[in-house]
PDB file of N, CA and C in Angstrom:
ATOM      1  N   MET A   1      -5.544  -3.771 -10.969  1.00  0.00           N
ATOM      2  CA  MET A   1      -3.886  -3.494 -10.194  1.00  0.00           C
ATOM      3  C   MET A   1      -3.477  -4.955  -9.358  1.00  0.00           C
ATOM      4  N   LYS A   2      -2.144  -5.250  -9.145  1.00  0.00           N
ATOM      5  CA  LYS A   2      -1.426  -5.791  -8.216  1.00  0.00           C
ATOM      6  C   LYS A   2      -0.932  -4.972  -7.314  1.00  0.00           C
ATOM      7  N   LEU A   3      -1.511  -5.515  -5.929  1.00  0.00           N
ATOM      8  CA  LEU A   3      -0.799  -4.955  -5.080  1.00  0.00           C
ATOM      9  C   LEU A   3       0.460  -6.156  -4.058  1.00  0.00           C
ATOM     10  N   VAL A   4       1.215  -5.378  -3.693  1.00  0.00           N
ATOM     11  CA  VAL A   4       2.450  -6.471  -3.206  1.00  0.00           C
ATOM     12  C   VAL A   4       3.257  -5.878  -1.813  1.00  0.00           C
ATOM     13  N   TYR A   5       2.776  -6.662  -1.129  1.00  0.00           N
ATOM     14  CA  TYR A   5       3.655  -6.369   0.430  1.00  0.00           C
ATOM     15  C   TYR A   5       4.531  -6.605   0.995  1.00  0.00           C
ATOM     16  N   PHE A   6       5.634  -5.755   1.648  1.00  0.00           N
ATOM     17  CA  PHE A   6       6.840  -6.523   1.619  1.00  0.00           C
ATOM     18  C   PHE A   6       7.149  -6.060   3.862  1.00  0.00           C
ATOM     19  N   ALA A   7       7.878  -7.136   4.037  1.00  0.00           N
ATOM     20  CA  ALA A   7       8.309  -7.028   5.750  1.00  0.00           C
ATOM     21  C   ALA A   7       7.074  -6.848   6.554  1.00  0.00           C
ATOM     22  N   TRP A   8       7.211  -6.307   7.517  1.00  0.00           N
ATOM     23  CA  TRP A   8       6.053  -6.741   8.552  1.00  0.00           C
ATOM     24  C   TRP A   8       4.523  -6.097   8.123  1.00  0.00           C
ATOM     25  N   VAL A   9       4.745  -5.340   6.818  1.00  0.00           N
ATOM     26  CA  VAL A   9       3.388  -4.944   6.061  1.00  0.00           C
ATOM     27  C   VAL A   9       2.441  -6.458   5.468  1.00  0.00           C
ATOM     28  N   ARG A  10       3.734  -7.122   4.948  1.00  0.00           N
ATOM     29  CA  ARG A  10       2.919  -8.263   4.514  1.00  0.00           C
ATOM     30  C   ARG A  10       2.526  -9.573   5.507  1.00  0.00           C
ATOM     31  N   GLU A  11       3.940  -9.401   6.811  1.00  0.00           N
ATOM     32  CA  GLU A  11       3.426 -10.404   7.924  1.00  0.00           C
ATOM     33  C   GLU A  11       1.946 -10.095   8.475  1.00  0.00           C
ATOM     34  N   ARG A  12       1.247  -8.817   8.796  1.00  0.00           N
ATOM     35  CA  ARG A  12       0.269  -8.576   9.154  1.00  0.00           C
ATOM     36  C   ARG A  12      -0.727  -8.325   8.403  1.00  0.00           C
ATOM     37  N   ILE A  13      -0.565  -8.459   7.113  1.00  0.00           N
ATOM     38  CA  ILE A  13      -1.607  -8.430   5.992  1.00  0.00           C
ATOM     39  C   ILE A  13      -2.160 -10.137   5.903  1.00  0.00           C
ATOM     40  N   GLY A  14      -1.295 -11.001   5.690  1.00  0.00           N
ATOM     41  CA  GLY A  14      -1.210 -12.209   5.701  1.00  0.00           C
ATOM     42  C   GLY A  14      -1.323 -12.534   4.535  1.00  0.00           C
ATOM     43  N   ILE A  15      -0.642 -11.758   3.525  1.00  0.00           N
ATOM     44  CA  ILE A  15      -0.569 -11.910   2.374  1.00  0.00           C
ATOM     45  C   ILE A  15       0.736 -11.487   1.728  1.00  0.00           C
ATOM     46  N   GLY A  16       1.283 -11.822   0.304  1.00  0.00           N
ATOM     47  CA  GLY A  16       1.835 -11.346   0.080  1.00  0.00           C
ATOM     48  C   GLY A  16       2.075 -10.404  -1.384  1.00  0.00           C
ATOM     49  N   GLU A  17       0.950 -10.796  -1.826  1.00  0.00           N
ATOM     50  CA  GLU A  17       0.491  -9.598  -3.060  1.00  0.00           C
ATOM     51  C   GLU A  17      -1.079 -10.133  -3.029  1.00  0.00           C
ATOM     52  N   GLU A  18      -1.571  -8.990  -4.305  1.00  0.00           N
ATOM     53  CA  GLU A  18      -2.990  -9.883  -4.560  1.00  0.00           C
ATOM     54  C   GLU A  18      -3.657  -8.619  -5.507  1.00  0.00           C
ATOM     55  N   GLU A  19      -4.420  -8.901  -6.547  1.00  0.00           N
ATOM     56  CA  GLU A  19      -5.158  -8.520  -7.347  1.00  0.00           C
ATOM     57  C   GLU A  19      -6.198  -7.436  -6.883  1.00  0.00           C
ATOM     58  N   VAL A  20      -6.165  -6.840  -7.313  1.00  0.00           N
ATOM     59  CA  VAL A  20      -7.314  -6.164  -6.668  1.00  0.00           C
ATOM     60  C   VAL A  20      -7.993  -4.672  -7.871  1.00  0.00           C
ATOM     61  N   VAL A  21      -9.064  -4.509  -7.365  1.00  0.00           N
ATOM     62  CA  VAL A  21     -10.085  -3.293  -8.614  1.00  0.00           C
ATOM     63  C   VAL A  21     -10.456  -2.022  -7.827  1.00  0.00           C
ATOM     64  N   LEU A  22      -9.922  -0.851  -7.379  1.00  0.00           N
ATOM     65  CA  LEU A  22      -9.824  -0.339  -6.695  1.00  0.00           C
ATOM     66  C   LEU A  22     -11.130   0.682  -7.073  1.00  0.00           C
ATOM     67  N   PRO A  23     -12.108   1.207  -6.139  1.00  0.00           N
ATOM     68  CA  PRO A  23     -13.263   1.545  -6.440  1.00  0.00           C
ATOM     69  C   PRO A  23     -12.980   3.480  -7.122  1.00  0.00           C
ATOM     70  N   ALA A  24     -13.801   3.898  -7.347  1.00  0.00           N
ATOM     71  CA  ALA A  24     -13.497   5.257  -8.034  1.00  0.00           C
ATOM     72  C   ALA A  24     -13.115   5.962  -7.483  1.00  0.00           C
ATOM     73  N   GLY A  25     -13.223   6.447  -6.287  1.00  0.00           N
ATOM     74  CA  GLY A  25     -12.814   7.747  -5.228  1.00  0.00           C
ATOM     75  C   GLY A  25     -11.241   7.466  -4.581  1.00  0.00           C
ATOM     76  N   VAL A  26     -10.716   5.824  -5.205  1.00  0.00           N
ATOM     77  CA  VAL A  26      -9.379   5.698  -4.546  1.00  0.00           C
ATOM     78  C   VAL A  26      -8.707   6.591  -5.543  1.00  0.00           C
ATOM     79  N   VAL A  27      -8.067   7.404  -5.600  1.00  0.00           N
ATOM     80  CA  VAL A  27      -7.152   8.190  -6.388  1.00  0.00           C
ATOM     81  C   VAL A  27      -5.808   8.185  -6.141  1.00  0.00           C
ATOM     82  N   THR A  28      -5.791   8.708  -5.455  1.00  0.00           N
ATOM     83  CA  THR A  28      -4.445   8.859  -5.090  1.00  0.00           C
ATOM     84  C   THR A  28      -3.947   7.651  -3.732  1.00  0.00           C
ATOM     85  N   VAL A  29      -2.352   7.555  -3.602  1.00  0.00           N
ATOM     86  CA  VAL A  29      -1.627   6.633  -2.264  1.00  0.00           C
ATOM     87  C   VAL A  29      -2.447   6.860  -1.292  1.00  0.00           C
ATOM     88  N   GLN A  30      -2.243   8.883  -1.145  1.00  0.00           N
ATOM     89  CA  GLN A  30      -3.523   8.695   0.700  1.00  0.00           C
ATOM     90  C   GLN A  30      -4.648   7.484   0.462  1.00  0.00           C
ATOM     91  N   ASP A  31      -5.225   7.650  -0.383  1.00  0.00           N
ATOM     92  CA  ASP A  31      -6.564   7.080  -0.921  1.00  0.00           C
ATOM     93  C   ASP A  31      -6.725   5.514  -0.566  1.00  0.00           C
ATOM     94  N   LEU A  32      -5.706   5.235  -1.287  1.00  0.00           N
ATOM     95  CA  LEU A  32      -5.516   3.656  -1.498  1.00  0.00           C
ATOM     96  C   LEU A  32      -5.079   3.424  -0.066  1.00  0.00           C
ATOM     97  N   LEU A  33      -4.176   3.879   0.408  1.00  0.00           N
ATOM     98  CA  LEU A  33      -3.811   2.864   2.590  1.00  0.00           C
ATOM     99  C   LEU A  33      -5.011   3.493   3.080  1.00  0.00           C
ATOM    100  N   HIS A  34      -6.138   4.296   2.895  1.00  0.00           N
ATOM    101  CA  HIS A  34      -7.491   4.705   3.744  1.00  0.00           C
ATOM    102  C   HIS A  34      -7.947   3.742   3.237  1.00  0.00           C
ATOM    103  N   TRP A  35      -8.466   3.319   1.989  1.00  0.00           N
ATOM    104  CA  TRP A  35      -9.222   2.135   1.606  1.00  0.00           C
ATOM    105  C   TRP A  35      -8.983   0.907   1.884  1.00  0.00           C
ATOM    106  N   LEU A  36      -7.509   0.500   2.029  1.00  0.00           N
ATOM    107  CA  LEU A  36      -6.678  -0.374   2.669  1.00  0.00           C
ATOM    108  C   LEU A  36      -7.275  -0.898   3.931  1.00  0.00           C
ATOM    109  N   LYS A  37      -7.618  -0.085   4.358  1.00  0.00           N
ATOM    110  CA  LYS A  37      -7.358  -0.089   6.263  1.00  0.00           C
ATOM    111  C   LYS A  37      -8.755  -0.696   6.365  1.00  0.00           C
ATOM    112  N   GLY A  38      -9.823   0.045   5.886  1.00  0.00           N
ATOM    113  CA  GLY A  38     -10.987  -0.535   6.330  1.00  0.00           C
ATOM    114  C   GLY A  38     -11.643  -1.907   5.336  1.00  0.00           C
ATOM    115  N   ARG A  39     -10.575  -2.752   4.853  1.00  0.00           N
ATOM    116  CA  ARG A  39     -10.900  -4.029   4.225  1.00  0.00           C
ATOM    117  C   ARG A  39     -10.589  -4.939   4.989  1.00  0.00           C
ATOM    118  N   GLY A  40     -10.207  -4.829   6.730  1.00  0.00           N
ATOM    119  CA  GLY A  40     -10.146  -5.989   7.656  1.00  0.00           C
ATOM    120  C   GLY A  40      -9.511  -5.159   8.948  1.00  0.00           C
ATOM    121  N   ASP A  41      -9.579  -6.164   9.763  1.00  0.00           N
ATOM    122  CA  ASP A  41      -8.625  -6.211  10.872  1.00  0.00           C
ATOM    123  C   ASP A  41      -7.355  -6.261  10.746  1.00  0.00           C
ATOM    124  N   ASN A  42      -6.701  -6.924   9.369  1.00  0.00           N
ATOM    125  CA  ASN A  42      -5.256  -7.535   9.800  1.00  0.00           C
ATOM    126  C   ASN A  42      -4.719  -5.897   8.635  1.00  0.00           C
ATOM    127  N   TYR A  43      -5.562  -5.429   7.752  1.00  0.00           N
ATOM    128  CA  TYR A  43      -5.136  -4.469   6.947  1.00  0.00           C
ATOM    129  C   TYR A  43      -5.024  -3.341   7.537  1.00  0.00           C
ATOM    130  N   ASP A  44      -5.708  -3.181   8.374  1.00  0.00           N
ATOM    131  CA  ASP A  44      -5.558  -1.896   9.781  1.00  0.00           C
ATOM    132  C   ASP A  44      -4.536  -1.993  10.729  1.00  0.00           C
ATOM    133  N   ALA A  45      -4.151  -3.694  11.271  1.00  0.00           N
ATOM    134  CA  ALA A  45      -3.396  -3.290  11.736  1.00  0.00           C
ATOM    135  C   ALA A  45      -1.898  -3.133  11.134  1.00  0.00           C
ATOM    136  N   ALA A  46      -1.689  -2.992   9.572  1.00  0.00           N
ATOM    137  CA  ALA A  46      -0.842  -3.157   9.409  1.00  0.00           C
ATOM    138  C   ALA A  46      -0.311  -1.999   9.099  1.00  0.00           C
ATOM    139  N   LEU A  47      -1.656  -0.933   8.988  1.00  0.00           N
ATOM    140  CA  LEU A  47      -1.457   0.154   8.378  1.00  0.00           C
ATOM    141  C   LEU A  47      -1.845   0.935   9.277  1.00  0.00           C
ATOM    142  N   GLN A  48      -1.547   1.127  10.541  1.00  0.00           N
ATOM    143  CA  GLN A  48      -2.032   1.603  11.753  1.00  0.00           C
ATOM    144  C   GLN A  48      -1.785   3.150  11.814  1.00  0.00           C
ATOM    145  N   ALA A  49      -0.090   3.293  11.409  1.00  0.00           N
ATOM    146  CA  ALA A  49       0.502   4.515  10.698  1.00  0.00           C
ATOM    147  C   ALA A  49       1.079   4.566   9.693  1.00  0.00           C
ATOM    148  N   PRO A  50       0.093   5.018   8.553  1.00  0.00           N
ATOM    149  CA  PRO A  50       0.155   5.348   7.181  1.00  0.00           C
ATOM    150  C   PRO A  50       1.341   6.443   6.721  1.00  0.00           C
ATOM    151  N   GLN A  51       1.036   7.290   7.762  1.00  0.00           N
ATOM    152  CA  GLN A  51       2.798   7.936   7.610  1.00  0.00           C
ATOM    153  C   GLN A  51       4.337   7.440   7.794  1.00  0.00           C
ATOM    154  N   MET A  52       3.976   6.108   7.858  1.00  0.00           N
ATOM    155  CA  MET A  52       5.503   5.649   8.447  1.00  0.00           C
ATOM    156  C   MET A  52       5.338   4.426   6.818  1.00  0.00           C
ATOM    157  N   VAL A  53       4.285   4.266   6.134  1.00  0.00           N
ATOM    158  CA  VAL A  53       4.533   3.430   5.167  1.00  0.00           C
ATOM    159  C   VAL A  53       4.753   3.738   3.857  1.00  0.00           C
ATOM    160  N   ARG A  54       6.267   3.197   3.356  1.00  0.00           N
ATOM    161  CA  ARG A  54       6.211   3.904   1.992  1.00  0.00           C
ATOM    162  C   ARG A  54       6.079   2.990   0.581  1.00  0.00           C
ATOM    163  N   VAL A  55       5.474   3.947  -0.305  1.00  0.00           N
ATOM    164  CA  VAL A  55       5.130   2.932  -1.334  1.00  0.00           C
ATOM    165  C   VAL A  55       5.658   3.267  -2.571  1.00  0.00           C
ATOM    166  N   ALA A  56       5.760   2.426  -3.446  1.00  0.00           N
ATOM    167  CA  ALA A  56       6.523   2.616  -5.080  1.00  0.00           C
ATOM    168  C   ALA A  56       5.394   2.163  -5.598  1.00  0.00           C
ATOM    169  N   ILE A  57       5.142   2.746  -6.632  1.00  0.00           N
ATOM    170  CA  ILE A  57       4.506   2.839  -7.981  1.00  0.00           C
ATOM    171  C   ILE A  57       4.980   2.426  -9.309  1.00  0.00           C
ATOM    172  N   ASP A  58       4.807   1.237  -9.735  1.00  0.00           N
ATOM    173  CA  ASP A  58       5.588   0.448 -11.397  1.00  0.00           C
ATOM    174  C   ASP A  58       6.905   0.776 -10.164  1.00  0.00           C
ATOM    175  N   GLN A  59       7.644   0.510  -9.358  1.00  0.00           N
ATOM    176  CA  GLN A  59       8.609   0.332  -9.005  1.00  0.00           C
ATOM    177  C   GLN A  59       9.481   1.592  -8.572  1.00  0.00           C
ATOM    178  N   GLU A  60       8.807   2.708  -8.770  1.00  0.00           N
ATOM    179  CA  GLU A  60       9.402   3.997  -8.702  1.00  0.00           C
ATOM    180  C   GLU A  60       8.973   4.392  -7.172  1.00  0.00           C
ATOM    181  N   HIS A  61       9.534   4.759  -5.986  1.00  0.00           N
ATOM    182  CA  HIS A  61       9.007   5.712  -5.214  1.00  0.00           C
ATOM    183  C   HIS A  61       8.079   6.756  -5.255  1.00  0.00           C
ATOM    184  N   VAL A  62       7.114   6.779  -4.314  1.00  0.00           N
ATOM    185  CA  VAL A  62       6.044   8.323  -4.431  1.00  0.00           C
ATOM    186  C   VAL A  62       5.670   9.078  -3.226  1.00  0.00           C
ATOM    187  N   PRO A  63       5.441   9.876  -3.147  1.00  0.00           N
ATOM    188  CA  PRO A  63       5.006  10.434  -1.994  1.00  0.00           C
ATOM    189  C   PRO A  63       3.604  10.126  -1.972  1.00  0.00           C
ATOM    190  N   HIS A  64       2.516  10.452  -0.405  1.00  0.00           N
ATOM    191  CA  HIS A  64       1.350   9.633  -0.456  1.00  0.00           C
ATOM    192  C   HIS A  64       0.247  10.621  -1.546  1.00  0.00           C
ATOM    193  N   SER A  65       0.263  11.420  -1.964  1.00  0.00           N
ATOM    194  CA  SER A  65      -0.002  12.428  -2.284  1.00  0.00           C
ATOM    195  C   SER A  65       0.158  12.153  -3.797  1.00  0.00           C
ATOM    196  N   GLN A  66       0.623  11.314  -4.615  1.00  0.00           N
ATOM    197  CA  GLN A  66       0.742  10.712  -5.832  1.00  0.00           C
ATOM    198  C   GLN A  66      -0.553  10.290  -6.720  1.00  0.00           C
ATOM    199  N   PRO A  67      -1.049  10.976  -7.610  1.00  0.00           N
ATOM    200  CA  PRO A  67      -1.730   9.967  -7.993  1.00  0.00           C
ATOM    201  C   PRO A  67      -1.556   8.746  -8.548  1.00  0.00           C
ATOM    202  N   ILE A  68      -2.406   7.783  -8.378  1.00  0.00           N
ATOM    203  CA  ILE A  68      -2.338   6.180  -8.769  1.00  0.00           C
ATOM    204  C   ILE A  68      -2.605   6.061 -10.708  1.00  0.00           C
ATOM    205  N   GLY A  69      -2.846   6.815 -10.801  1.00  0.00           N
ATOM    206  CA  GLY A  69      -3.203   6.924 -12.116  1.00  0.00           C
ATOM    207  C   GLY A  69      -3.313   5.276 -12.881  1.00  0.00           C
ATOM    208  N   ASN A  70      -2.974   4.992 -14.312  1.00  0.00           N
ATOM    209  CA  ASN A  70      -3.124   3.491 -15.013  1.00  0.00           C
ATOM    210  C   ASN A  70      -2.143   2.912 -14.529  1.00  0.00           C
ATOM    211  N   CYS A  71      -1.467   2.538 -13.116  1.00  0.00           N
ATOM    212  CA  CYS A  71      -0.338   2.040 -12.780  1.00  0.00           C
ATOM    213  C   CYS A  71      -0.630  -0.086 -12.777  1.00  0.00           C
ATOM    214  N   THR A  72       0.638  -0.408 -12.933  1.00  0.00           N
ATOM    215  CA  THR A  72      -0.137  -2.015 -13.206  1.00  0.00           C
ATOM    216  C   THR A  72       0.387  -2.675 -11.890  1.00  0.00           C
ATOM    217  N   GLU A  73       0.970  -1.890 -10.907  1.00  0.00           N
ATOM    218  CA  GLU A  73       1.779  -2.587  -9.559  1.00  0.00           C
ATOM    219  C   GLU A  73       1.896  -1.311  -8.751  1.00  0.00           C
ATOM    220  N   ILE A  74       1.335  -1.154  -7.306  1.00  0.00           N
ATOM    221  CA  ILE A  74       1.870  -0.964  -6.238  1.00  0.00           C
ATOM    222  C   ILE A  74       2.415  -1.750  -5.538  1.00  0.00           C
ATOM    223  N   ALA A  75       3.690  -1.254  -4.967  1.00  0.00           N
ATOM    224  CA  ALA A  75       4.340  -2.392  -3.970  1.00  0.00           C
ATOM    225  C   ALA A  75       3.769  -1.187  -2.030  1.00  0.00           C
ATOM    226  N   ILE A  76       3.888  -1.893  -1.267  1.00  0.00           N
ATOM    227  CA  ILE A  76       3.761  -1.056   0.328  1.00  0.00           C
ATOM    228  C   ILE A  76       4.567  -1.883   1.057  1.00  0.00           C
ATOM    229  N   PHE A  77       5.643  -1.110   1.838  1.00  0.00           N
ATOM    230  CA  PHE A  77       6.574  -1.443   2.535  1.00  0.00           C
ATOM    231  C   PHE A  77       6.722  -0.816   3.865  1.00  0.00           C
ATOM    232  N   PRO A  78       7.432  -0.862   5.085  1.00  0.00           N
ATOM    233  CA  PRO A  78       7.889  -0.205   6.074  1.00  0.00           C
ATOM    234  C   PRO A  78       9.102   0.487   5.393  1.00  0.00           C
ATOM    235  N   PRO A  79       9.303   1.752   6.277  1.00  0.00           N
ATOM    236  CA  PRO A  79      10.717   2.487   5.766  1.00  0.00           C
ATOM    237  C   PRO A  79      11.844   1.907   5.916  1.00  0.00           C
ATOM    238  N   MET A  80      12.664   1.889   4.783  1.00  0.00           N
ATOM    239  CA  MET A  80      13.941   1.227   5.091  1.00  0.00           C
ATOM    240  C   MET A  80      15.189   1.319   6.317  1.00  0.00           C
ATOM    241  N   THR A  81      15.926   0.635   6.742  1.00  0.00           N
ATOM    242  CA  THR A  81      16.936   0.687   7.603  1.00  0.00           C
ATOM    243  C   THR A  81      17.930   0.655   7.179  1.00  0.00           C
ATOM    244  N   GLY A  82      19.347   2.016   7.593  1.00  0.00           N
ATOM    245  CA  GLY A  82      20.645   1.336   7.181  1.00  0.00           C
ATOM    246  C   GLY A  82      21.144   0.540   8.350  1.00  0.00           C
ATOM    247  N   GLY A  83      22.137   0.315   7.688  1.00  0.00           N
ATOM    248  CA  GLY A  83      22.719  -0.860   9.119  1.00  0.00           C
ATOM    249  C   GLY A  83      24.289  -1.638   8.213  1.00  0.00           C
TER     250      GLY A  83
END
């Protein structure tokens, strides 16, 4: 599965995208964010406040309780601001 990172999430992690194989216990978006935080200091720094992070599965915004299922892409980005 492809993970894509945007804005300050990308800057803190240090890459724009990556291919990963998720462990069996990663079922929801919340599980994914928790798993990512454990992958290193850069991921932990990017996901310090996971409730602030927005997620899209296959280009559709989803809540953190959303099951990941058999998607092909998950995008992770900070909240959008107006202006």
